[in-house]
Amino acid sequence: MAGPDEQPTQDASRVGLWRRLHRWMRAHHVTLMTLPDTPHNIALGSAIGMFFGFTPLFTMKTLLAFLITWLFRANKTAAVITVTLHDVLIPLVPAIFFWQYKLGMWALYHRIPQREGFRRVPLSAWMEWTTFLTVVRPILIGSLFFAVPAALLVYFGLRAVLIRSRAKTTTSNATE
């Protein structure tokens, strides 16, 4: 433990980071649990947000999640919160994209490349359509292998938790 005259160590700042992250996650969890909507709509909004959270569409994830939840009449707030919560995985994005690329190449071409195509792409080529076809399309297709199961897990898990939580609240309010 650092004294009053000592600088905090890296371990202390790491503990502070985890504490802030835990507080932030708890606040968003409470927000999801208290949204004034049906468990189905909240869970569907969260599932749509989780689905788009796994896509490589960084600049459009939140907007797409919002629009799709609007189309399905799900809870838009839950979708936006879940897309934001998914960004906690940012440090793992390179590994996730690596596996999404491999799975996408397998799904599209029935082969896994020995060398990844995105290692040979110069920075200036990222704005060309050919780069989209060779790199981003396999990542986008591969993201479905992560997004669909995660969205299903979030939908059924959150829906069950919401139903159970609201049943407890209703029972405790009825007994008082």
C-alpha atoms as a PDB file:
ATOM      1  CA  MET A   1       0.000   0.000   0.000  1.00  0.00           C
ATOM      2  CA  ALA A   2       1.406   3.373  -0.924  1.00  0.00           C
ATOM      3  CA  GLY A   3       1.949   5.974   1.794  1.00  0.00           C
ATOM      4  CA  PRO A   4       0.872   9.614   1.482  1.00  0.00           C
ATOM      5  CA  ASP A   5       4.246  10.669  -0.003  1.00  0.00           C
ATOM      6  CA  GLU A   6       4.652   7.709  -2.368  1.00  0.00           C
ATOM      7  CA  GLN A   7       3.368   7.404  -5.924  1.00  0.00           C
ATOM      8  CA  PRO A   8       0.705   4.730  -6.409  1.00  0.00           C
ATOM      9  CA  THR A   9       2.081   1.584  -7.981  1.00  0.00           C
ATOM     10  CA  GLN A  10       0.875   0.103 -11.224  1.00  0.00           C
ATOM     11  CA  ASP A  11      -0.931  -2.624  -9.264  1.00  0.00           C
ATOM     12  CA  ALA A  12      -2.868   0.020  -7.343  1.00  0.00           C
ATOM     13  CA  SER A  13      -3.917   1.747 -10.576  1.00  0.00           C
ATOM     14  CA  ARG A  14      -4.914  -1.623 -12.010  1.00  0.00           C
ATOM     15  CA  VAL A  15      -7.110  -2.288  -8.964  1.00  0.00           C
ATOM     16  CA  GLY A  16      -8.631   1.162  -9.415  1.00  0.00           C
ATOM     17  CA  LEU A  17      -9.326   0.387 -13.068  1.00  0.00           C
ATOM     18  CA  TRP A  18     -11.052  -2.892 -12.178  1.00  0.00           C
ATOM     19  CA  ARG A  19     -13.063  -1.159  -9.462  1.00  0.00           C
ATOM     20  CA  ARG A  20     -14.222   1.548 -11.896  1.00  0.00           C
ATOM     21  CA  LEU A  21     -15.046  -1.088 -14.520  1.00  0.00           C
ATOM     22  CA  HIS A  22     -17.024  -3.098 -11.949  1.00  0.00           C
ATOM     23  CA  ARG A  23     -18.936   0.012 -10.846  1.00  0.00           C
ATOM     24  CA  TRP A  24     -19.681   0.935 -14.467  1.00  0.00           C
ATOM     25  CA  MET A  25     -20.892  -2.604 -15.304  1.00  0.00           C
ATOM     26  CA  ARG A  26     -23.069  -2.706 -12.173  1.00  0.00           C
ATOM     27  CA  ALA A  27     -24.666   0.647 -13.033  1.00  0.00           C
ATOM     28  CA  HIS A  28     -25.511  -0.538 -16.535  1.00  0.00           C
ATOM     29  CA  HIS A  29     -26.787  -3.855 -15.182  1.00  0.00           C
ATOM     30  CA  VAL A  30     -29.127  -2.008 -12.827  1.00  0.00           C
ATOM     31  CA  THR A  31     -30.256   0.183 -15.722  1.00  0.00           C
ATOM     32  CA  LEU A  32     -31.074  -2.889 -17.833  1.00  0.00           C
ATOM     33  CA  MET A  33     -32.933  -4.553 -14.967  1.00  0.00           C
ATOM     34  CA  THR A  34     -35.107  -1.498 -14.269  1.00  0.00           C
ATOM     35  CA  LEU A  35     -36.060  -0.522 -17.817  1.00  0.00           C
ATOM     36  CA  PRO A  36     -39.827  -0.021 -18.089  1.00  0.00           C
ATOM     37  CA  ASP A  37     -40.518  -2.617 -20.767  1.00  0.00           C
ATOM     38  CA  THR A  38     -41.346  -6.304 -21.098  1.00  0.00           C
ATOM     39  CA  PRO A  39     -38.608  -8.876 -20.475  1.00  0.00           C
ATOM     40  CA  HIS A  40     -38.918  -9.968 -24.115  1.00  0.00           C
ATOM     41  CA  ASN A  41     -38.351  -6.453 -25.488  1.00  0.00           C
ATOM     42  CA  ILE A  42     -35.413  -5.735 -23.179  1.00  0.00           C
ATOM     43  CA  ALA A  43     -33.794  -9.115 -23.896  1.00  0.00           C
ATOM     44  CA  LEU A  44     -34.344  -8.734 -27.652  1.00  0.00           C
ATOM     45  CA  GLY A  45     -32.821  -5.257 -27.617  1.00  0.00           C
ATOM     46  CA  SER A  46     -29.815  -6.557 -25.689  1.00  0.00           C
ATOM     47  CA  ALA A  47     -29.436  -9.529 -28.035  1.00  0.00           C
ATOM     48  CA  ILE A  48     -29.466  -7.232 -31.066  1.00  0.00           C
ATOM     49  CA  GLY A  49     -26.897  -5.006 -29.376  1.00  0.00           C
ATOM     50  CA  MET A  50     -24.680  -8.009 -28.623  1.00  0.00           C
ATOM     51  CA  PHE A  51     -25.027  -9.236 -32.205  1.00  0.00           C
ATOM     52  CA  PHE A  52     -23.838  -5.933 -33.649  1.00  0.00           C
ATOM     53  CA  GLY A  53     -21.159  -5.674 -30.973  1.00  0.00           C
ATOM     54  CA  PHE A  54     -19.310  -8.593 -32.576  1.00  0.00           C
ATOM     55  CA  THR A  55     -19.346  -7.140 -36.084  1.00  0.00           C
ATOM     56  CA  PRO A  56     -16.306  -5.300 -37.452  1.00  0.00           C
ATOM     57  CA  LEU A  57     -18.459  -2.258 -38.277  1.00  0.00           C
ATOM     58  CA  PHE A  58     -16.917   0.002 -35.644  1.00  0.00           C
ATOM     59  CA  THR A  59     -18.466   3.272 -36.698  1.00  0.00           C
ATOM     60  CA  MET A  60     -21.921   1.878 -37.402  1.00  0.00           C
ATOM     61  CA  LYS A  61     -22.540  -0.682 -34.628  1.00  0.00           C
ATOM     62  CA  THR A  62     -24.626   1.516 -32.353  1.00  0.00           C
ATOM     63  CA  LEU A  63     -26.597   3.078 -35.200  1.00  0.00           C
ATOM     64  CA  LEU A  64     -27.383  -0.315 -36.776  1.00  0.00           C
ATOM     65  CA  ALA A  65     -28.382  -1.792 -33.415  1.00  0.00           C
ATOM     66  CA  PHE A  66     -30.663   1.186 -32.773  1.00  0.00           C
ATOM     67  CA  LEU A  67     -32.312   0.921 -36.213  1.00  0.00           C
ATOM     68  CA  ILE A  68     -32.841  -2.845 -36.023  1.00  0.00           C
ATOM     69  CA  THR A  69     -34.336  -2.608 -32.534  1.00  0.00           C
ATOM     70  CA  TRP A  70     -36.645   0.107 -33.806  1.00  0.00           C
ATOM     71  CA  LEU A  71     -37.732  -2.187 -36.677  1.00  0.00           C
ATOM     72  CA  PHE A  72     -38.355  -5.111 -34.301  1.00  0.00           C
ATOM     73  CA  ARG A  73     -39.969  -2.824 -31.689  1.00  0.00           C
ATOM     74  CA  ALA A  74     -37.494  -3.987 -29.094  1.00  0.00           C
ATOM     75  CA  ASN A  75     -35.963  -1.841 -26.376  1.00  0.00           C
ATOM     76  CA  LYS A  76     -33.557   0.638 -27.986  1.00  0.00           C
ATOM     77  CA  THR A  77     -31.941   1.627 -24.686  1.00  0.00           C
ATOM     78  CA  ALA A  78     -31.048  -2.011 -23.965  1.00  0.00           C
ATOM     79  CA  ALA A  79     -29.468  -2.341 -27.414  1.00  0.00           C
ATOM     80  CA  VAL A  80     -27.334   0.774 -27.002  1.00  0.00           C
ATOM     81  CA  ILE A  81     -26.250  -0.257 -23.492  1.00  0.00           C
ATOM     82  CA  THR A  82     -25.282  -3.738 -24.687  1.00  0.00           C
ATOM     83  CA  VAL A  83     -23.276  -2.431 -27.663  1.00  0.00           C
ATOM     84  CA  THR A  84     -21.475  -0.165 -25.209  1.00  0.00           C
ATOM     85  CA  LEU A  85     -20.904  -3.008 -22.725  1.00  0.00           C
ATOM     86  CA  HIS A  86     -19.503  -5.119 -25.550  1.00  0.00           C
ATOM     87  CA  ASP A  87     -16.801  -2.487 -26.046  1.00  0.00           C
ATOM     88  CA  VAL A  88     -15.295  -3.726 -22.776  1.00  0.00           C
ATOM     89  CA  LEU A  89     -13.802  -6.466 -24.987  1.00  0.00           C
ATOM     90  CA  ILE A  90     -11.734  -3.892 -26.943  1.00  0.00           C
ATOM     91  CA  PRO A  91      -8.399  -5.338 -25.716  1.00  0.00           C
ATOM     92  CA  LEU A  92      -9.427  -8.707 -27.178  1.00  0.00           C
ATOM     93  CA  VAL A  93     -10.473  -7.323 -30.590  1.00  0.00           C
ATOM     94  CA  PRO A  94      -7.287  -8.318 -32.452  1.00  0.00           C
ATOM     95  CA  ALA A  95      -7.638 -11.936 -31.304  1.00  0.00           C
ATOM     96  CA  ILE A  96     -11.378 -11.935 -32.019  1.00  0.00           C
ATOM     97  CA  PHE A  97     -10.820 -10.520 -35.522  1.00  0.00           C
ATOM     98  CA  PHE A  98      -8.076 -13.092 -36.144  1.00  0.00           C
ATOM     99  CA  TRP A  99     -10.455 -15.966 -35.385  1.00  0.00           C
ATOM    100  CA  GLN A 100     -13.328 -14.314 -37.213  1.00  0.00           C
ATOM    101  CA  TYR A 101     -11.089 -13.996 -40.290  1.00  0.00           C
ATOM    102  CA  LYS A 102     -10.112 -17.661 -40.124  1.00  0.00           C
ATOM    103  CA  LEU A 103     -13.720 -18.809 -39.657  1.00  0.00           C
ATOM    104  CA  GLY A 104     -14.890 -16.483 -42.448  1.00  0.00           C
ATOM    105  CA  MET A 105     -12.269 -17.823 -44.856  1.00  0.00           C
ATOM    106  CA  TRP A 106     -13.335 -21.347 -43.981  1.00  0.00           C
ATOM    107  CA  ALA A 107     -17.031 -20.509 -44.476  1.00  0.00           C
ATOM    108  CA  LEU A 108     -16.461 -18.669 -47.767  1.00  0.00           C
ATOM    109  CA  TYR A 109     -13.738 -20.766 -49.394  1.00  0.00           C
ATOM    110  CA  HIS A 110     -13.672 -24.024 -47.375  1.00  0.00           C
ATOM    111  CA  ARG A 111     -10.025 -23.455 -46.491  1.00  0.00           C
ATOM    112  CA  ILE A 112      -8.075 -21.758 -43.764  1.00  0.00           C
ATOM    113  CA  PRO A 113      -5.198 -19.683 -45.163  1.00  0.00           C
ATOM    114  CA  GLN A 114      -1.655 -20.425 -44.072  1.00  0.00           C
ATOM    115  CA  ARG A 115      -0.940 -16.668 -43.950  1.00  0.00           C
ATOM    116  CA  GLU A 116      -3.565 -14.130 -43.034  1.00  0.00           C
ATOM    117  CA  GLY A 117      -4.471 -11.715 -45.836  1.00  0.00           C
ATOM    118  CA  PHE A 118      -4.718  -8.684 -43.583  1.00  0.00           C
ATOM    119  CA  ARG A 119      -0.999  -8.772 -42.743  1.00  0.00           C
ATOM    120  CA  ARG A 120      -0.115  -7.847 -46.324  1.00  0.00           C
ATOM    121  CA  VAL A 121      -2.522  -4.934 -46.679  1.00  0.00           C
ATOM    122  CA  PRO A 122      -0.839  -1.516 -46.619  1.00  0.00           C
ATOM    123  CA  LEU A 123      -2.553   1.233 -44.647  1.00  0.00           C
ATOM    124  CA  SER A 124      -3.463   3.194 -47.815  1.00  0.00           C
ATOM    125  CA  ALA A 125      -5.375   0.202 -49.229  1.00  0.00           C
ATOM    126  CA  TRP A 126      -7.911  -0.004 -46.371  1.00  0.00           C
ATOM    127  CA  MET A 127     -10.218   2.453 -48.160  1.00  0.00           C
ATOM    128  CA  GLU A 128     -10.490   0.362 -51.358  1.00  0.00           C
ATOM    129  CA  TRP A 129     -13.273  -2.103 -52.204  1.00  0.00           C
ATOM    130  CA  THR A 130     -10.783  -4.851 -53.015  1.00  0.00           C
ATOM    131  CA  THR A 131      -9.618  -4.728 -49.406  1.00  0.00           C
ATOM    132  CA  PHE A 132     -13.218  -5.150 -48.307  1.00  0.00           C
ATOM    133  CA  LEU A 133     -13.539  -8.269 -50.446  1.00  0.00           C
ATOM    134  CA  THR A 134     -10.266  -9.829 -49.297  1.00  0.00           C
ATOM    135  CA  VAL A 135     -10.162  -8.910 -45.622  1.00  0.00           C
ATOM    136  CA  VAL A 136     -13.329  -7.360 -44.207  1.00  0.00           C
ATOM    137  CA  ARG A 137     -15.804  -9.741 -45.869  1.00  0.00           C
ATOM    138  CA  PRO A 138     -14.248 -12.850 -44.252  1.00  0.00           C
ATOM    139  CA  ILE A 139     -14.169 -11.061 -40.880  1.00  0.00           C
ATOM    140  CA  LEU A 140     -17.812 -10.023 -41.312  1.00  0.00           C
ATOM    141  CA  ILE A 141     -18.871 -13.577 -42.221  1.00  0.00           C
ATOM    142  CA  GLY A 142     -16.721 -15.012 -39.413  1.00  0.00           C
ATOM    143  CA  SER A 143     -18.286 -12.607 -36.928  1.00  0.00           C
ATOM    144  CA  LEU A 144     -21.572 -14.488 -37.369  1.00  0.00           C
ATOM    145  CA  PHE A 145     -19.959 -17.501 -35.656  1.00  0.00           C
ATOM    146  CA  PHE A 146     -19.497 -15.331 -32.556  1.00  0.00           C
ATOM    147  CA  ALA A 147     -22.479 -12.966 -32.846  1.00  0.00           C
ATOM    148  CA  VAL A 148     -25.335 -15.430 -33.289  1.00  0.00           C
ATOM    149  CA  PRO A 149     -24.518 -17.685 -30.298  1.00  0.00           C
ATOM    150  CA  ALA A 150     -23.734 -14.657 -28.107  1.00  0.00           C
ATOM    151  CA  ALA A 151     -27.006 -12.969 -29.072  1.00  0.00           C
ATOM    152  CA  LEU A 152     -28.996 -16.142 -28.357  1.00  0.00           C
ATOM    153  CA  LEU A 153     -27.246 -16.570 -25.011  1.00  0.00           C
ATOM    154  CA  VAL A 154     -27.932 -12.946 -24.068  1.00  0.00           C
ATOM    155  CA  TYR A 155     -31.580 -13.147 -25.151  1.00  0.00           C
ATOM    156  CA  PHE A 156     -32.492 -16.303 -23.262  1.00  0.00           C
ATOM    157  CA  GLY A 157     -30.264 -15.561 -20.250  1.00  0.00           C
ATOM    158  CA  LEU A 158     -31.370 -11.961 -19.754  1.00  0.00           C
ATOM    159  CA  ARG A 159     -35.026 -12.801 -20.394  1.00  0.00           C
ATOM    160  CA  ALA A 160     -34.916 -15.510 -17.707  1.00  0.00           C
ATOM    161  CA  VAL A 161     -33.167 -13.197 -15.240  1.00  0.00           C
ATOM    162  CA  LEU A 162     -35.664 -10.391 -15.901  1.00  0.00           C
ATOM    163  CA  ILE A 163     -38.673 -12.699 -15.512  1.00  0.00           C
ATOM    164  CA  ARG A 164     -37.283 -14.133 -12.260  1.00  0.00           C
ATOM    165  CA  SER A 165     -36.351 -10.702 -10.913  1.00  0.00           C
ATOM    166  CA  ARG A 166     -39.720  -9.184 -11.706  1.00  0.00           C
ATOM    167  CA  ALA A 167     -41.566 -12.185 -10.253  1.00  0.00           C
ATOM    168  CA  LYS A 168     -39.646 -11.744  -6.974  1.00  0.00           C
ATOM    169  CA  THR A 169     -40.442  -8.024  -6.962  1.00  0.00           C
ATOM    170  CA  THR A 170     -44.114  -8.679  -7.609  1.00  0.00           C
ATOM    171  CA  THR A 171     -44.276 -11.349  -4.877  1.00  0.00           C
ATOM    172  CA  SER A 172     -42.515  -9.163  -2.311  1.00  0.00           C
ATOM    173  CA  ASN A 173     -44.786  -6.216  -3.145  1.00  0.00           C
ATOM    174  CA  ALA A 174     -47.901  -8.431  -2.852  1.00  0.00           C
ATOM    175  CA  THR A 175     -46.893  -9.730   0.619  1.00  0.00           C
ATOM    176  CA  GLU A 176     -46.356  -6.240   2.060  1.00  0.00           C
END
